[in-house]
Amino acid sequence: MKIIISLATHVGLVRSGNEDAIGLLGWALQGHRPNPLTLSMPLGRTHLGLVVCDGLGGHSGGATASRLAAEFLSAHDGGPADGPEERRGLIWRVREAGRRLDRAAEASPDLQGMGTTAVGIEFSPEGTAAAYNVGDSRAYRVTEGMLGRLTTDDRRSEQGSILTQALGGGSDPDPHVFEIVPQLGDRYVLCTDGLTDLVPEEAIAGIVAALSTSEDRFNTEQAAGKLIHLALDAGGNDNVTVAVAEVVAG
């Protein structure tokens, strides 16, 4: 099997800068990248990390925090497999990402108070994977045509968009981890709240759970672009970042 991944990030219609970042295999995509970048990679041969981060603490600090976390979390050369040791290792790495942000903030007054959300999926050579998050960026999985959320929002809805935990800020977060076994035909969406605060899950499902036919095959690049435009059509009051992936034969 292989996985096709399309990545896009848009500054939105209100903000002047983009504090989001996408990490893939230790490399970060950041800035205004509205045209999706699409890559194809094998599954089951090596570890593969994909993460989306939404920075906090002002443009300079937020952008730095999301980039540093995206690079570190997606670069890990040992991914999750079955068993408690691997799960503990994943939790340690998420917390270590926060500690690295704290050390960077201590070294630069311009970065004081920076932090980021993080949502990611790690695929292992053993054929297993784990979705994880800290904050309110989300991961979804489409399997057998049904959209399911893999992550848990860390925010108090009764107080608006108040995050209950994030990476950085001297905290010791407790990441949510959801272990999965990827199947042929699975689709995944990782996104920031710039999408989910404005676009209902039913609308997201309408795009990423679309049936493929011999004449009209599902396209991750088109899906990522459509999700970005849904957020913009709904006001685009925040940065919006998406990663859309599909497991295919190959």
Protein backbone atom coordinates (compact mmCIF):
# COMPACT_ATOMS: atom_id res chain seq x y z
CA MET A 1 0.00 0.00 0.00
CA LYS A 2 0.96 3.62 -0.39
CA ILE A 3 -0.47 6.89 0.86
CA ILE A 4 -1.21 9.99 -1.19
CA ILE A 5 -1.11 13.20 0.86
CA SER A 6 -2.17 16.71 -0.19
CA LEU A 7 -1.17 19.67 1.98
CA ALA A 8 -2.51 23.25 1.89
CA THR A 9 -2.43 26.25 4.21
CA HIS A 10 -4.15 29.61 3.68
CA VAL A 11 -3.72 32.84 5.62
CA GLY A 12 -7.48 33.43 5.48
CA LEU A 13 -9.36 36.62 4.70
CA VAL A 14 -8.77 38.58 7.92
CA ARG A 15 -5.31 37.93 9.35
CA SER A 16 -2.09 39.32 7.91
CA GLY A 17 0.13 36.34 8.77
CA ASN A 18 -0.12 32.59 9.01
CA GLU A 19 0.71 30.88 12.32
CA ASP A 20 -0.13 27.37 11.07
CA ALA A 21 2.38 24.77 9.89
CA ILE A 22 2.28 21.28 8.41
CA GLY A 23 5.05 18.80 9.19
CA LEU A 24 5.93 15.77 7.09
CA LEU A 25 9.02 13.63 7.69
CA GLY A 26 10.79 16.45 9.52
CA TRP A 27 10.01 19.12 6.96
CA ALA A 28 7.60 22.01 7.63
CA LEU A 29 5.28 23.76 5.17
CA GLN A 30 4.34 27.24 6.33
CA GLY A 31 3.19 30.60 5.00
CA HIS A 32 0.53 31.17 2.35
CA ARG A 33 0.36 27.93 0.35
CA PRO A 34 -3.21 27.76 -0.97
CA ASN A 35 -2.42 25.46 -3.89
CA PRO A 36 -2.19 21.93 -2.47
CA LEU A 37 1.14 20.14 -2.54
CA THR A 38 0.67 16.42 -3.23
CA LEU A 39 3.08 13.61 -2.42
CA SER A 40 2.91 9.83 -2.70
CA MET A 41 4.82 7.59 -0.27
CA PRO A 42 4.90 3.87 0.51
CA LEU A 43 3.36 2.51 3.69
CA GLY A 44 4.72 -0.38 5.69
CA ARG A 45 8.38 0.16 4.83
CA THR A 46 9.46 2.91 7.20
CA HIS A 47 8.06 5.31 9.76
CA LEU A 48 6.02 8.21 8.41
CA GLY A 49 4.95 11.20 10.49
CA LEU A 50 2.37 13.81 9.47
CA VAL A 51 1.35 16.67 11.77
CA VAL A 52 -0.63 19.93 11.61
CA CYS A 53 0.05 22.71 14.14
CA ASP A 54 -1.78 25.96 14.93
CA GLY A 55 0.54 28.47 16.61
CA LEU A 56 -0.34 30.68 19.58
CA GLY A 57 1.20 33.82 21.02
CA GLY A 58 1.24 36.42 18.25
CA HIS A 59 2.47 36.04 14.70
CA SER A 60 6.21 35.77 15.36
CA GLY A 61 5.89 33.44 18.33
CA GLY A 62 2.98 31.45 16.96
CA ALA A 63 4.62 30.86 13.60
CA THR A 64 7.86 29.80 15.27
CA ALA A 65 6.09 27.47 17.69
CA SER A 66 4.08 25.71 14.99
CA ARG A 67 7.12 25.29 12.74
CA LEU A 68 9.37 23.91 15.49
CA ALA A 69 6.70 21.48 16.70
CA ALA A 70 5.80 20.37 13.17
CA GLU A 71 9.42 19.65 12.32
CA PHE A 72 10.17 17.78 15.54
CA LEU A 73 7.01 15.70 15.74
CA SER A 74 7.01 14.64 12.10
CA ALA A 75 10.72 13.76 12.02
CA HIS A 76 10.59 10.94 14.56
CA ASP A 77 12.37 7.87 13.18
CA GLY A 78 10.58 5.44 15.44
CA GLY A 79 6.82 5.29 15.21
CA PRO A 80 4.02 3.66 17.14
CA ALA A 81 3.38 -0.05 17.01
CA ASP A 82 1.40 -2.38 19.19
CA GLY A 83 2.23 -2.29 22.88
CA PRO A 84 2.46 0.09 25.82
CA GLU A 85 6.13 1.06 25.28
CA GLU A 86 5.42 2.61 21.89
CA ARG A 87 2.44 4.52 23.24
CA ARG A 88 4.53 5.89 26.10
CA GLY A 89 7.20 6.88 23.60
CA LEU A 90 4.71 8.84 21.54
CA ILE A 91 3.41 10.65 24.61
CA TRP A 92 6.98 11.47 25.66
CA ARG A 93 7.74 12.95 22.23
CA VAL A 94 4.67 15.17 22.30
CA ARG A 95 5.66 16.46 25.74
CA GLU A 96 9.24 16.89 24.59
CA ALA A 97 8.01 19.07 21.72
CA GLY A 98 6.46 21.36 24.33
CA ARG A 99 9.65 21.43 26.37
CA ARG A 100 11.64 22.41 23.29
CA LEU A 101 9.26 25.30 22.71
CA ASP A 102 9.76 26.43 26.30
CA ARG A 103 13.54 26.36 25.91
CA ALA A 104 13.33 28.37 22.69
CA ALA A 105 11.06 30.92 24.36
CA GLU A 106 13.44 31.29 27.30
CA ALA A 107 16.26 32.06 24.87
CA SER A 108 14.41 34.81 22.98
CA PRO A 109 12.26 37.61 24.47
CA ASP A 110 10.37 37.87 21.17
CA LEU A 111 9.06 34.33 21.64
CA GLN A 112 7.81 34.63 25.22
CA GLY A 113 4.43 32.97 25.69
CA MET A 114 4.47 31.09 22.40
CA GLY A 115 2.73 27.75 22.03
CA THR A 116 0.89 25.61 19.54
CA THR A 117 -1.74 22.97 19.10
CA ALA A 118 -0.69 19.75 17.40
CA VAL A 119 -2.56 16.96 15.65
CA GLY A 120 -0.73 14.15 13.93
CA ILE A 121 -0.73 10.63 12.60
CA GLU A 122 2.29 8.34 12.78
CA PHE A 123 2.43 5.29 10.50
CA SER A 124 4.78 2.44 11.39
CA PRO A 125 6.46 -0.29 9.30
CA GLU A 126 4.42 -2.84 11.21
CA GLY A 127 1.21 -1.64 9.53
CA THR A 128 -0.17 0.18 12.56
CA ALA A 129 -0.68 3.89 13.14
CA ALA A 130 -1.62 6.30 15.91
CA ALA A 131 -3.47 9.60 15.77
CA TYR A 132 -2.76 12.09 18.55
CA ASN A 133 -3.57 15.66 19.48
CA VAL A 134 -3.07 18.43 21.99
CA GLY A 135 -5.39 21.41 21.59
CA ASP A 136 -8.29 21.78 19.19
CA SER A 137 -6.80 20.85 15.84
CA ARG A 138 -8.48 17.67 14.62
CA ALA A 139 -7.94 14.40 12.79
CA TYR A 140 -10.68 12.53 10.94
CA ARG A 141 -10.76 9.11 9.33
CA VAL A 142 -13.06 8.00 6.55
CA THR A 143 -13.44 4.24 6.43
CA GLU A 144 -16.14 2.39 4.52
CA GLY A 145 -17.62 5.74 3.52
CA MET A 146 -18.16 7.01 7.08
CA LEU A 147 -16.39 10.01 8.63
CA GLY A 148 -15.20 9.57 12.20
CA ARG A 149 -13.28 11.95 14.44
CA LEU A 150 -10.08 10.45 15.87
CA THR A 151 -9.22 13.26 18.28
CA THR A 152 -10.63 15.12 21.27
CA ASP A 153 -10.82 18.92 21.45
CA ASP A 154 -8.99 20.49 24.39
CA ARG A 155 -11.21 23.55 24.77
CA ARG A 156 -14.06 24.78 26.92
CA SER A 157 -16.92 25.52 24.57
CA GLU A 158 -18.90 27.34 27.24
CA GLN A 159 -16.15 29.95 27.31
CA GLY A 160 -15.67 30.28 23.58
CA SER A 161 -12.33 29.16 22.19
CA ILE A 162 -10.46 28.79 25.48
CA LEU A 163 -7.89 26.01 25.11
CA THR A 164 -7.45 23.73 28.10
CA GLN A 165 -4.02 22.52 26.98
CA ALA A 166 -1.42 23.16 24.28
CA LEU A 167 2.28 22.63 23.67
CA GLY A 168 4.50 25.27 25.29
CA GLY A 169 3.79 27.76 28.02
CA GLY A 170 5.49 25.64 30.65
CA SER A 171 2.71 23.05 30.62
CA ASP A 172 3.00 19.27 30.70
CA PRO A 173 0.21 18.25 28.33
CA ASP A 174 -1.62 14.94 28.34
CA PRO A 175 -2.00 14.11 24.63
CA HIS A 176 -4.95 12.13 23.36
CA VAL A 177 -3.80 9.01 21.48
CA PHE A 178 -5.97 6.82 19.25
CA GLU A 179 -4.43 3.67 17.78
CA ILE A 180 -5.61 2.47 14.38
CA VAL A 181 -4.78 -0.07 11.66
CA PRO A 182 -4.84 1.61 8.24
CA GLN A 183 -6.91 -0.15 5.60
CA LEU A 184 -6.89 0.10 1.84
CA GLY A 185 -9.25 2.94 0.88
CA ASP A 186 -8.97 4.79 4.20
CA ARG A 187 -8.89 8.58 4.00
CA TYR A 188 -7.56 10.95 6.63
CA VAL A 189 -8.02 14.66 7.26
CA LEU A 190 -5.87 16.73 9.62
CA CYS A 191 -6.94 20.33 10.07
CA THR A 192 -6.83 23.42 12.25
CA ASP A 193 -9.85 25.10 13.81
CA GLY A 194 -9.78 27.61 10.96
CA LEU A 195 -11.74 24.91 9.14
CA THR A 196 -13.78 23.24 11.87
CA ASP A 197 -14.96 26.45 13.59
CA LEU A 198 -16.61 27.56 10.35
CA VAL A 199 -17.46 24.38 8.45
CA PRO A 200 -19.79 21.69 9.87
CA GLU A 201 -18.55 18.11 9.95
CA GLU A 202 -21.37 17.17 7.59
CA ALA A 203 -19.89 19.46 4.94
CA ILE A 204 -16.39 18.06 5.52
CA ALA A 205 -17.77 14.55 5.16
CA GLY A 206 -19.50 15.51 1.93
CA ILE A 207 -16.12 16.21 0.38
CA VAL A 208 -13.81 13.58 1.87
CA ALA A 209 -16.31 10.70 2.01
CA ALA A 210 -17.30 11.09 -1.65
CA LEU A 211 -17.55 7.77 -3.46
CA SER A 212 -15.00 6.97 -6.15
CA THR A 213 -16.15 5.56 -9.47
CA SER A 214 -14.29 4.34 -12.52
CA GLU A 215 -15.05 7.67 -14.20
CA ASP A 216 -14.61 9.95 -11.18
CA ARG A 217 -11.82 8.93 -8.83
CA PHE A 218 -11.39 10.62 -5.43
CA ASN A 219 -8.62 13.21 -5.57
CA THR A 220 -6.85 14.32 -2.38
CA GLU A 221 -5.63 17.52 -4.01
CA GLN A 222 -9.10 18.57 -5.09
CA ALA A 223 -10.50 17.66 -1.67
CA ALA A 224 -7.90 19.77 0.15
CA GLY A 225 -8.62 22.73 -2.11
CA LYS A 226 -12.37 22.40 -1.61
CA LEU A 227 -12.00 22.33 2.18
CA ILE A 228 -9.92 25.50 2.11
CA HIS A 229 -12.55 27.23 -0.03
CA LEU A 230 -15.37 26.11 2.28
CA ALA A 231 -13.64 27.93 5.15
CA LEU A 232 -13.06 31.03 3.03
CA ASP A 233 -16.67 31.06 1.83
CA ALA A 234 -17.76 30.90 5.49
CA GLY A 235 -15.78 34.04 6.35
CA GLY A 236 -12.16 32.93 6.52
CA ASN A 237 -11.59 34.71 9.82
CA ASP A 238 -8.61 32.52 10.78
CA ASN A 239 -5.71 30.76 9.14
CA VAL A 240 -6.93 27.47 7.69
CA THR A 241 -4.73 24.43 7.15
CA VAL A 242 -5.59 20.95 5.91
CA ALA A 243 -3.87 17.70 5.05
CA VAL A 244 -5.94 15.15 3.13
CA ALA A 245 -4.59 11.62 2.66
CA GLU A 246 -5.79 8.39 1.10
CA VAL A 247 -4.42 4.84 1.39
CA VAL A 248 -4.29 3.24 -2.06
CA ALA A 249 -2.82 0.13 -3.64
CA GLY A 250 0.78 0.28 -4.72
